[in-house]
């Protein structure tokens, strides 16, 4: 299979394509599948020592952008793809605590924080949906004063000329 890299579960891939959300590309770890393949335009690597969950958390931040900015030459973008050589990428320095137990604690903290944020987002969406439902029920009842009048305006176009 030429033109592709085989990625194994737990390995990382750096997509050098830029976007609004990822101005310096994105680095992700293969987690859901045992193997996958990516274009040779990606830079693939594995973590030889340390906690990979910490590295996943680290690459979800923008803290690693500065190191990439230093190796991406001015005008190096080619149709949204950064021109970064693998050797240069692997020479970048990133901030990782030396002790693995500290890496695990930080990774676990942010994992719990992400779960908590997701839970509250779901709760908020549930409350917002409930409130919308209540408003729609109120709009559907003509005996509810202003809401009934609003329904009448919406149905009959009072005040608007076509």
N, C-alpha and C. Protein backbone atom coordinates (compact mmCIF):
# COMPACT_ATOMS: atom_id res chain seq x y z
N UNK A 1 0.85 -1.17 0.00
CA UNK A 1 0.00 0.00 0.00
C UNK A 1 0.91 1.24 0.00
N UNK A 2 1.23 1.71 -1.16
CA UNK A 2 2.13 2.85 -1.25
C UNK A 2 1.36 4.16 -1.08
N UNK A 3 2.04 5.17 -0.59
CA UNK A 3 1.42 6.47 -0.39
C UNK A 3 0.68 6.59 0.93
N UNK A 4 0.79 5.58 1.79
CA UNK A 4 0.10 5.61 3.09
C UNK A 4 1.01 5.06 4.18
N UNK A 5 0.77 5.53 5.40
CA UNK A 5 1.44 4.98 6.58
C UNK A 5 0.43 4.11 7.32
N UNK A 6 0.90 2.99 7.83
CA UNK A 6 0.06 2.15 8.69
C UNK A 6 0.22 2.64 10.12
N UNK A 7 -0.88 2.99 10.74
CA UNK A 7 -0.88 3.50 12.10
C UNK A 7 -1.46 2.42 13.00
N UNK A 8 -0.80 2.14 14.10
CA UNK A 8 -1.29 1.15 15.06
C UNK A 8 -1.95 1.85 16.24
N UNK A 9 -2.86 1.13 16.89
CA UNK A 9 -3.57 1.69 18.03
C UNK A 9 -2.58 2.27 19.04
N UNK A 10 -2.86 3.50 19.48
CA UNK A 10 -2.00 4.17 20.45
C UNK A 10 -0.98 5.10 19.83
N UNK A 11 -0.76 4.99 18.52
CA UNK A 11 0.20 5.86 17.84
C UNK A 11 -0.47 7.18 17.47
N UNK A 12 0.35 8.19 17.23
CA UNK A 12 -0.13 9.54 16.94
C UNK A 12 0.10 9.88 15.47
N UNK A 13 -0.73 10.78 14.96
CA UNK A 13 -0.55 11.30 13.61
C UNK A 13 -0.75 12.81 13.64
N UNK A 14 0.17 13.52 13.00
CA UNK A 14 0.09 14.98 12.90
C UNK A 14 -0.40 15.33 11.50
N UNK A 15 -1.59 15.89 11.45
CA UNK A 15 -2.18 16.37 10.20
C UNK A 15 -1.77 17.82 10.05
N UNK A 16 -0.95 18.12 9.06
CA UNK A 16 -0.40 19.47 8.88
C UNK A 16 -1.37 20.41 8.17
N UNK A 17 -2.57 19.96 7.89
CA UNK A 17 -3.57 20.82 7.25
C UNK A 17 -4.08 21.83 8.26
N UNK A 18 -4.19 23.07 7.82
CA UNK A 18 -4.66 24.13 8.71
C UNK A 18 -6.14 24.37 8.53
N UNK A 19 -6.76 24.88 9.58
CA UNK A 19 -8.18 25.24 9.54
C UNK A 19 -8.41 26.33 10.58
N UNK A 20 -9.62 26.83 10.63
CA UNK A 20 -9.94 27.86 11.62
C UNK A 20 -9.74 27.32 13.04
N UNK A 21 -10.19 26.09 13.27
CA UNK A 21 -10.07 25.48 14.60
C UNK A 21 -8.65 25.01 14.91
N UNK A 22 -7.89 24.69 13.87
CA UNK A 22 -6.53 24.17 14.05
C UNK A 22 -5.56 24.92 13.14
N UNK A 23 -5.17 26.13 13.52
CA UNK A 23 -4.33 26.94 12.63
C UNK A 23 -2.94 26.36 12.38
N UNK A 24 -2.49 25.43 13.23
CA UNK A 24 -1.18 24.80 13.05
C UNK A 24 -1.32 23.29 12.87
N UNK A 25 -2.49 22.85 12.40
CA UNK A 25 -2.73 21.43 12.21
C UNK A 25 -3.29 20.79 13.47
N UNK A 26 -3.41 19.47 13.42
CA UNK A 26 -3.96 18.73 14.56
C UNK A 26 -3.17 17.44 14.76
N UNK A 27 -3.00 17.09 16.02
CA UNK A 27 -2.32 15.85 16.37
C UNK A 27 -3.30 14.99 17.16
N UNK A 28 -3.54 13.78 16.65
CA UNK A 28 -4.51 12.88 17.28
C UNK A 28 -3.88 11.50 17.44
N UNK A 29 -4.39 10.76 18.43
CA UNK A 29 -3.95 9.39 18.67
C UNK A 29 -5.00 8.44 18.16
N UNK A 30 -4.59 7.37 17.50
CA UNK A 30 -5.53 6.34 17.06
C UNK A 30 -5.98 5.56 18.29
N UNK A 31 -7.27 5.63 18.60
CA UNK A 31 -7.78 5.02 19.82
C UNK A 31 -8.87 3.99 19.55
N UNK A 32 -9.73 4.22 18.55
CA UNK A 32 -10.91 3.37 18.36
C UNK A 32 -10.63 2.08 17.60
N UNK A 33 -9.57 2.05 16.81
CA UNK A 33 -9.30 0.89 15.95
C UNK A 33 -7.91 0.34 16.21
N UNK A 34 -7.72 -0.93 15.89
CA UNK A 34 -6.40 -1.55 16.08
C UNK A 34 -5.38 -1.01 15.09
N UNK A 35 -5.85 -0.71 13.87
CA UNK A 35 -4.95 -0.17 12.85
C UNK A 35 -5.71 0.81 11.97
N UNK A 36 -4.97 1.68 11.35
CA UNK A 36 -5.55 2.61 10.40
C UNK A 36 -4.46 3.06 9.44
N UNK A 37 -4.84 3.70 8.36
CA UNK A 37 -3.82 4.21 7.45
C UNK A 37 -4.09 5.68 7.17
N UNK A 38 -3.00 6.41 7.05
CA UNK A 38 -3.07 7.84 6.77
C UNK A 38 -2.11 8.14 5.63
N UNK A 39 -2.35 9.25 4.96
CA UNK A 39 -1.50 9.69 3.87
C UNK A 39 -0.08 9.93 4.36
N UNK A 40 0.86 9.81 3.45
CA UNK A 40 2.26 10.09 3.80
C UNK A 40 2.49 11.58 4.06
N UNK A 41 1.47 12.40 3.86
CA UNK A 41 1.57 13.81 4.22
C UNK A 41 1.53 14.00 5.73
N UNK A 42 1.03 12.99 6.46
CA UNK A 42 0.98 13.05 7.92
C UNK A 42 2.36 12.71 8.49
N UNK A 43 2.61 13.19 9.70
CA UNK A 43 3.81 12.78 10.44
C UNK A 43 3.32 11.86 11.56
N UNK A 44 3.78 10.63 11.55
CA UNK A 44 3.31 9.63 12.51
C UNK A 44 4.39 9.32 13.53
N UNK A 45 3.96 9.07 14.77
CA UNK A 45 4.92 8.77 15.83
C UNK A 45 4.23 8.05 16.98
N UNK A 46 5.05 7.47 17.84
CA UNK A 46 4.54 6.87 19.07
C UNK A 46 5.33 7.43 20.23
N UNK A 47 4.74 7.37 21.39
CA UNK A 47 5.40 7.83 22.60
C UNK A 47 6.16 6.65 23.21
N UNK A 48 7.47 6.78 23.33
CA UNK A 48 8.29 5.68 23.82
C UNK A 48 8.32 5.62 25.34
N UNK A 49 8.19 6.78 26.00
CA UNK A 49 8.13 6.78 27.46
C UNK A 49 7.22 7.93 27.88
N UNK A 50 6.56 7.73 28.98
CA UNK A 50 5.63 8.75 29.46
C UNK A 50 4.20 8.25 29.34
N UNK A 51 3.28 9.10 29.71
CA UNK A 51 1.86 8.76 29.70
C UNK A 51 1.21 9.29 28.43
N UNK A 52 0.76 8.40 27.53
CA UNK A 52 0.16 8.87 26.28
C UNK A 52 -1.12 9.68 26.49
N UNK A 53 -1.86 9.42 27.57
CA UNK A 53 -3.07 10.20 27.85
C UNK A 53 -2.72 11.66 28.14
N UNK A 54 -1.59 11.89 28.79
CA UNK A 54 -1.14 13.26 29.01
C UNK A 54 -0.87 13.94 27.67
N UNK A 55 -0.19 13.20 26.77
CA UNK A 55 0.14 13.77 25.47
C UNK A 55 -1.12 14.09 24.67
N UNK A 56 -2.13 13.24 24.76
CA UNK A 56 -3.41 13.51 24.10
C UNK A 56 -3.97 14.83 24.63
N UNK A 57 -3.97 14.98 25.94
CA UNK A 57 -4.47 16.21 26.57
C UNK A 57 -3.64 17.41 26.13
N UNK A 58 -2.35 17.25 26.11
CA UNK A 58 -1.44 18.34 25.72
C UNK A 58 -1.74 18.80 24.29
N UNK A 59 -1.92 17.86 23.38
CA UNK A 59 -2.15 18.22 21.98
C UNK A 59 -3.57 18.76 21.73
N UNK A 60 -4.44 18.67 22.72
CA UNK A 60 -5.76 19.31 22.60
C UNK A 60 -5.68 20.80 22.93
N UNK A 61 -4.56 21.23 23.49
CA UNK A 61 -4.36 22.65 23.80
C UNK A 61 -3.63 23.33 22.64
N UNK A 62 -3.35 24.62 22.80
CA UNK A 62 -2.56 25.32 21.80
C UNK A 62 -1.11 25.52 22.27
N UNK A 63 -0.74 24.85 23.35
CA UNK A 63 0.61 25.03 23.93
C UNK A 63 1.72 24.56 22.99
N UNK A 64 1.42 23.62 22.10
CA UNK A 64 2.44 23.09 21.21
C UNK A 64 2.59 23.93 19.93
N UNK A 65 1.69 24.88 19.71
CA UNK A 65 1.72 25.69 18.49
C UNK A 65 3.03 26.46 18.34
N UNK A 66 3.52 27.01 19.45
CA UNK A 66 4.71 27.86 19.38
C UNK A 66 5.90 27.10 18.80
N UNK A 67 6.08 25.85 19.22
CA UNK A 67 7.18 25.04 18.71
C UNK A 67 7.04 24.82 17.20
N UNK A 68 5.83 24.61 16.73
CA UNK A 68 5.58 24.40 15.31
C UNK A 68 5.77 25.71 14.55
N UNK A 69 5.35 26.82 15.15
CA UNK A 69 5.52 28.12 14.50
C UNK A 69 7.00 28.41 14.22
N UNK A 70 7.87 27.97 15.13
CA UNK A 70 9.30 28.22 14.97
C UNK A 70 9.90 27.48 13.79
N UNK A 71 9.33 26.35 13.42
CA UNK A 71 9.90 25.57 12.31
C UNK A 71 9.15 25.76 11.00
N UNK A 72 7.99 26.39 11.05
CA UNK A 72 7.24 26.66 9.83
C UNK A 72 7.74 27.99 9.27
N UNK A 73 8.47 27.91 8.18
CA UNK A 73 9.06 29.12 7.59
C UNK A 73 7.97 30.07 7.10
N UNK A 74 8.28 31.34 7.08
CA UNK A 74 7.37 32.36 6.56
C UNK A 74 6.97 31.99 5.14
N UNK A 75 5.67 32.01 4.88
CA UNK A 75 5.17 31.68 3.55
C UNK A 75 5.24 30.20 3.23
N UNK A 76 5.34 29.37 4.26
CA UNK A 76 5.49 27.94 4.02
C UNK A 76 4.16 27.23 3.78
N UNK A 77 3.05 27.94 3.90
CA UNK A 77 1.75 27.30 3.70
C UNK A 77 1.51 27.07 2.22
N UNK A 78 1.05 25.88 1.90
CA UNK A 78 0.75 25.52 0.53
C UNK A 78 -0.67 25.00 0.47
N UNK A 79 -1.62 25.84 0.12
CA UNK A 79 -3.03 25.46 0.05
C UNK A 79 -3.52 24.89 1.37
N UNK A 80 -3.17 25.54 2.47
CA UNK A 80 -3.63 25.11 3.78
C UNK A 80 -2.82 23.99 4.40
N UNK A 81 -1.75 23.57 3.76
CA UNK A 81 -0.91 22.50 4.29
C UNK A 81 0.43 23.09 4.70
N UNK A 82 0.80 22.93 5.97
CA UNK A 82 2.07 23.46 6.45
C UNK A 82 3.23 22.65 5.88
N UNK A 83 4.30 23.34 5.51
CA UNK A 83 5.49 22.69 4.97
C UNK A 83 6.47 22.46 6.11
N UNK A 84 6.28 21.35 6.80
CA UNK A 84 7.12 21.01 7.96
C UNK A 84 7.72 19.62 7.74
N UNK A 85 9.03 19.55 7.77
CA UNK A 85 9.72 18.28 7.58
C UNK A 85 9.62 17.46 8.87
N UNK A 86 9.48 16.13 8.74
CA UNK A 86 9.43 15.28 9.94
C UNK A 86 10.62 15.48 10.88
N UNK A 87 11.83 15.60 10.32
CA UNK A 87 13.02 15.80 11.18
C UNK A 87 12.88 17.07 12.01
N UNK A 88 12.38 18.14 11.38
CA UNK A 88 12.19 19.39 12.12
C UNK A 88 11.11 19.24 13.19
N UNK A 89 10.03 18.54 12.84
CA UNK A 89 8.94 18.33 13.80
C UNK A 89 9.45 17.59 15.04
N UNK A 90 10.27 16.55 14.82
CA UNK A 90 10.75 15.75 15.94
C UNK A 90 11.82 16.47 16.77
N UNK A 91 12.31 17.59 16.30
CA UNK A 91 13.26 18.41 17.07
C UNK A 91 12.55 19.43 17.94
N UNK A 92 11.22 19.59 17.78
CA UNK A 92 10.50 20.57 18.60
C UNK A 92 10.50 20.13 20.05
N UNK A 93 10.40 21.10 20.92
CA UNK A 93 10.36 20.80 22.35
C UNK A 93 8.96 21.07 22.88
N UNK A 94 8.49 20.15 23.68
CA UNK A 94 7.16 20.31 24.29
C UNK A 94 7.31 20.22 25.80
N UNK A 95 6.34 20.76 26.50
CA UNK A 95 6.37 20.81 27.96
C UNK A 95 5.68 19.59 28.54
N UNK A 96 6.46 18.68 29.09
CA UNK A 96 5.92 17.47 29.73
C UNK A 96 6.58 17.33 31.10
N UNK A 97 5.78 17.14 32.14
CA UNK A 97 6.39 16.90 33.46
C UNK A 97 7.30 15.67 33.40
N UNK A 98 8.39 15.70 34.13
CA UNK A 98 9.34 14.59 34.10
C UNK A 98 8.78 13.32 34.73
N UNK A 99 8.03 13.48 35.81
CA UNK A 99 7.52 12.30 36.52
C UNK A 99 6.25 11.78 35.84
N UNK A 100 6.22 10.49 35.56
CA UNK A 100 5.07 9.88 34.89
C UNK A 100 3.82 9.95 35.77
N UNK A 101 3.99 9.82 37.09
CA UNK A 101 2.81 9.90 37.96
C UNK A 101 2.17 11.28 37.89
N UNK A 102 2.98 12.32 37.73
CA UNK A 102 2.44 13.68 37.58
C UNK A 102 1.73 13.82 36.23
N UNK A 103 2.30 13.23 35.18
CA UNK A 103 1.65 13.24 33.87
C UNK A 103 0.27 12.57 33.96
N UNK A 104 0.22 11.42 34.65
CA UNK A 104 -1.05 10.68 34.79
C UNK A 104 -2.08 11.50 35.57
N UNK A 105 -1.63 12.16 36.64
CA UNK A 105 -2.55 12.97 37.43
C UNK A 105 -3.11 14.13 36.60
N UNK A 106 -2.27 14.78 35.85
CA UNK A 106 -2.72 15.90 35.02
C UNK A 106 -3.67 15.39 33.93
N UNK A 107 -3.29 14.30 33.27
CA UNK A 107 -4.15 13.72 32.24
C UNK A 107 -5.50 13.31 32.79
N UNK A 108 -5.50 12.67 33.98
CA UNK A 108 -6.76 12.23 34.60
C UNK A 108 -7.61 13.44 35.00
N UNK A 109 -6.97 14.49 35.50
CA UNK A 109 -7.70 15.70 35.88
C UNK A 109 -8.44 16.28 34.68
N UNK A 110 -7.74 16.43 33.57
CA UNK A 110 -8.37 17.03 32.39
C UNK A 110 -9.40 16.10 31.76
N UNK A 111 -9.19 14.80 31.88
CA UNK A 111 -10.20 13.85 31.41
C UNK A 111 -11.49 14.00 32.21
N UNK A 112 -11.37 14.11 33.53
CA UNK A 112 -12.55 14.32 34.39
C UNK A 112 -13.20 15.67 34.09
N UNK A 113 -12.37 16.69 33.88
CA UNK A 113 -12.90 18.01 33.57
C UNK A 113 -13.67 17.98 32.25
N UNK A 114 -13.13 17.32 31.23
CA UNK A 114 -13.84 17.19 29.96
C UNK A 114 -15.18 16.49 30.15
N UNK A 115 -15.20 15.43 30.95
CA UNK A 115 -16.44 14.69 31.21
C UNK A 115 -17.46 15.59 31.91
N UNK A 116 -16.99 16.38 32.87
CA UNK A 116 -17.87 17.28 33.60
C UNK A 116 -18.44 18.36 32.67
N UNK A 117 -17.61 18.90 31.81
CA UNK A 117 -18.07 19.91 30.85
C UNK A 117 -19.11 19.30 29.92
N UNK A 118 -18.85 18.10 29.43
CA UNK A 118 -19.81 17.42 28.55
C UNK A 118 -21.13 17.19 29.26
N UNK A 119 -21.08 16.76 30.52
CA UNK A 119 -22.28 16.54 31.30
C UNK A 119 -23.09 17.82 31.43
N UNK A 120 -22.43 18.93 31.75
CA UNK A 120 -23.14 20.20 31.90
C UNK A 120 -23.66 20.73 30.57
N UNK A 121 -22.94 20.47 29.48
CA UNK A 121 -23.45 20.88 28.17
C UNK A 121 -24.73 20.11 27.84
N UNK A 122 -24.73 18.82 28.13
CA UNK A 122 -25.93 18.01 27.88
C UNK A 122 -27.09 18.48 28.75
N UNK A 123 -26.79 18.79 30.02
CA UNK A 123 -27.82 19.28 30.93
C UNK A 123 -28.38 20.60 30.42
N UNK A 124 -27.49 21.51 29.99
CA UNK A 124 -27.92 22.80 29.46
C UNK A 124 -28.80 22.60 28.23
N UNK A 125 -28.39 21.73 27.32
CA UNK A 125 -29.19 21.47 26.11
C UNK A 125 -30.55 20.90 26.47
N UNK A 126 -30.59 20.04 27.49
CA UNK A 126 -31.86 19.49 27.94
C UNK A 126 -32.78 20.56 28.50
N UNK A 127 -32.23 21.45 29.32
CA UNK A 127 -33.02 22.54 29.89
C UNK A 127 -33.48 23.49 28.79
N UNK A 128 -32.59 23.82 27.86
CA UNK A 128 -32.96 24.71 26.76
C UNK A 128 -34.07 24.09 25.91
N UNK A 129 -33.99 22.79 25.64
CA UNK A 129 -35.04 22.11 24.87
C UNK A 129 -36.36 22.15 25.62
N UNK A 130 -36.30 21.92 26.93
CA UNK A 130 -37.51 21.95 27.76
C UNK A 130 -38.14 23.34 27.71
N UNK A 131 -37.29 24.39 27.85
CA UNK A 131 -37.80 25.76 27.83
C UNK A 131 -38.42 26.10 26.48
N UNK A 132 -37.80 25.63 25.40
CA UNK A 132 -38.37 25.86 24.07
C UNK A 132 -39.72 25.17 23.95
N UNK A 133 -39.80 23.96 24.48
CA UNK A 133 -41.07 23.23 24.45
C UNK A 133 -42.16 23.97 25.21
N UNK A 134 -41.81 24.49 26.38
CA UNK A 134 -42.78 25.26 27.17
C UNK A 134 -43.22 26.50 26.39
N UNK A 135 -42.27 27.20 25.78
CA UNK A 135 -42.61 28.40 25.00
C UNK A 135 -43.53 28.05 23.84
N UNK A 136 -43.28 26.94 23.18
CA UNK A 136 -44.12 26.54 22.05
C UNK A 136 -45.51 26.16 22.51
N UNK A 137 -45.61 25.51 23.66
CA UNK A 137 -46.94 25.18 24.21
C UNK A 137 -47.68 26.46 24.53
N UNK A 138 -46.95 27.43 25.13
CA UNK A 138 -47.58 28.71 25.46
C UNK A 138 -48.03 29.43 24.19
N UNK A 139 -47.23 29.38 23.15
CA UNK A 139 -47.60 30.01 21.88
C UNK A 139 -48.84 29.35 21.27
N UNK A 140 -49.01 28.09 21.56
CA UNK A 140 -50.13 27.34 20.99
C UNK A 140 -51.44 27.60 21.69
N UNK A 141 -51.43 28.31 22.80
CA UNK A 141 -52.65 28.55 23.56
C UNK A 141 -53.09 29.99 23.37
N UNK A 142 -54.21 30.20 22.66
CA UNK A 142 -54.69 31.55 22.39
C UNK A 142 -55.23 32.22 23.64
N UNK A 143 -55.50 31.47 24.68
CA UNK A 143 -56.05 32.06 25.89
C UNK A 143 -54.95 32.62 26.79
N UNK A 144 -53.72 32.61 26.31
CA UNK A 144 -52.59 33.05 27.12
C UNK A 144 -52.18 34.49 26.85
N UNK A 145 -53.09 35.34 26.56
CA UNK A 145 -52.78 36.76 26.40
C UNK A 145 -51.81 37.04 25.27
N UNK A 146 -50.65 37.60 25.61
CA UNK A 146 -49.68 38.03 24.60
C UNK A 146 -49.23 36.87 23.72
N UNK A 147 -49.06 35.70 24.33
CA UNK A 147 -48.63 34.56 23.53
C UNK A 147 -49.71 34.18 22.52
N UNK A 148 -50.96 34.24 22.95
CA UNK A 148 -52.06 33.97 22.02
C UNK A 148 -52.10 34.99 20.91
N UNK A 149 -51.88 36.26 21.26
CA UNK A 149 -51.85 37.31 20.24
C UNK A 149 -50.69 37.10 19.28
N UNK A 150 -49.56 36.66 19.79
CA UNK A 150 -48.40 36.41 18.95
C UNK A 150 -48.72 35.29 17.96
N UNK A 151 -49.41 34.25 18.44
CA UNK A 151 -49.79 33.16 17.54
C UNK A 151 -50.71 33.70 16.45
N UNK A 152 -51.62 34.56 16.84
CA UNK A 152 -52.56 35.13 15.88
C UNK A 152 -51.80 35.95 14.83
N UNK A 153 -50.82 36.72 15.27
CA UNK A 153 -50.00 37.51 14.33
C UNK A 153 -49.22 36.59 13.40
N UNK A 154 -48.64 35.55 13.97
CA UNK A 154 -47.86 34.62 13.15
C UNK A 154 -48.74 33.89 12.14
N UNK A 155 -49.95 33.51 12.56
CA UNK A 155 -50.84 32.77 11.66
C UNK A 155 -51.44 33.65 10.59
N UNK A 156 -51.84 34.87 10.91
CA UNK A 156 -52.59 35.69 10.00
C UNK A 156 -51.79 36.84 9.38
N UNK A 157 -50.56 37.02 9.82
CA UNK A 157 -49.73 38.07 9.24
C UNK A 157 -50.22 39.46 9.52
N UNK A 158 -50.85 39.68 10.66
CA UNK A 158 -51.37 41.00 11.00
C UNK A 158 -50.20 41.95 11.12
N UNK A 159 -50.33 43.10 10.54
CA UNK A 159 -49.28 44.10 10.62
C UNK A 159 -48.28 43.98 9.46
N UNK A 160 -48.38 42.98 8.66
CA UNK A 160 -47.47 42.81 7.52
C UNK A 160 -48.27 42.88 6.23
N UNK A 161 -47.71 43.52 5.27
CA UNK A 161 -48.37 43.56 3.95
C UNK A 161 -47.52 42.75 2.98
N UNK A 162 -48.21 41.91 2.23
CA UNK A 162 -47.51 41.02 1.31
C UNK A 162 -47.31 41.57 -0.04
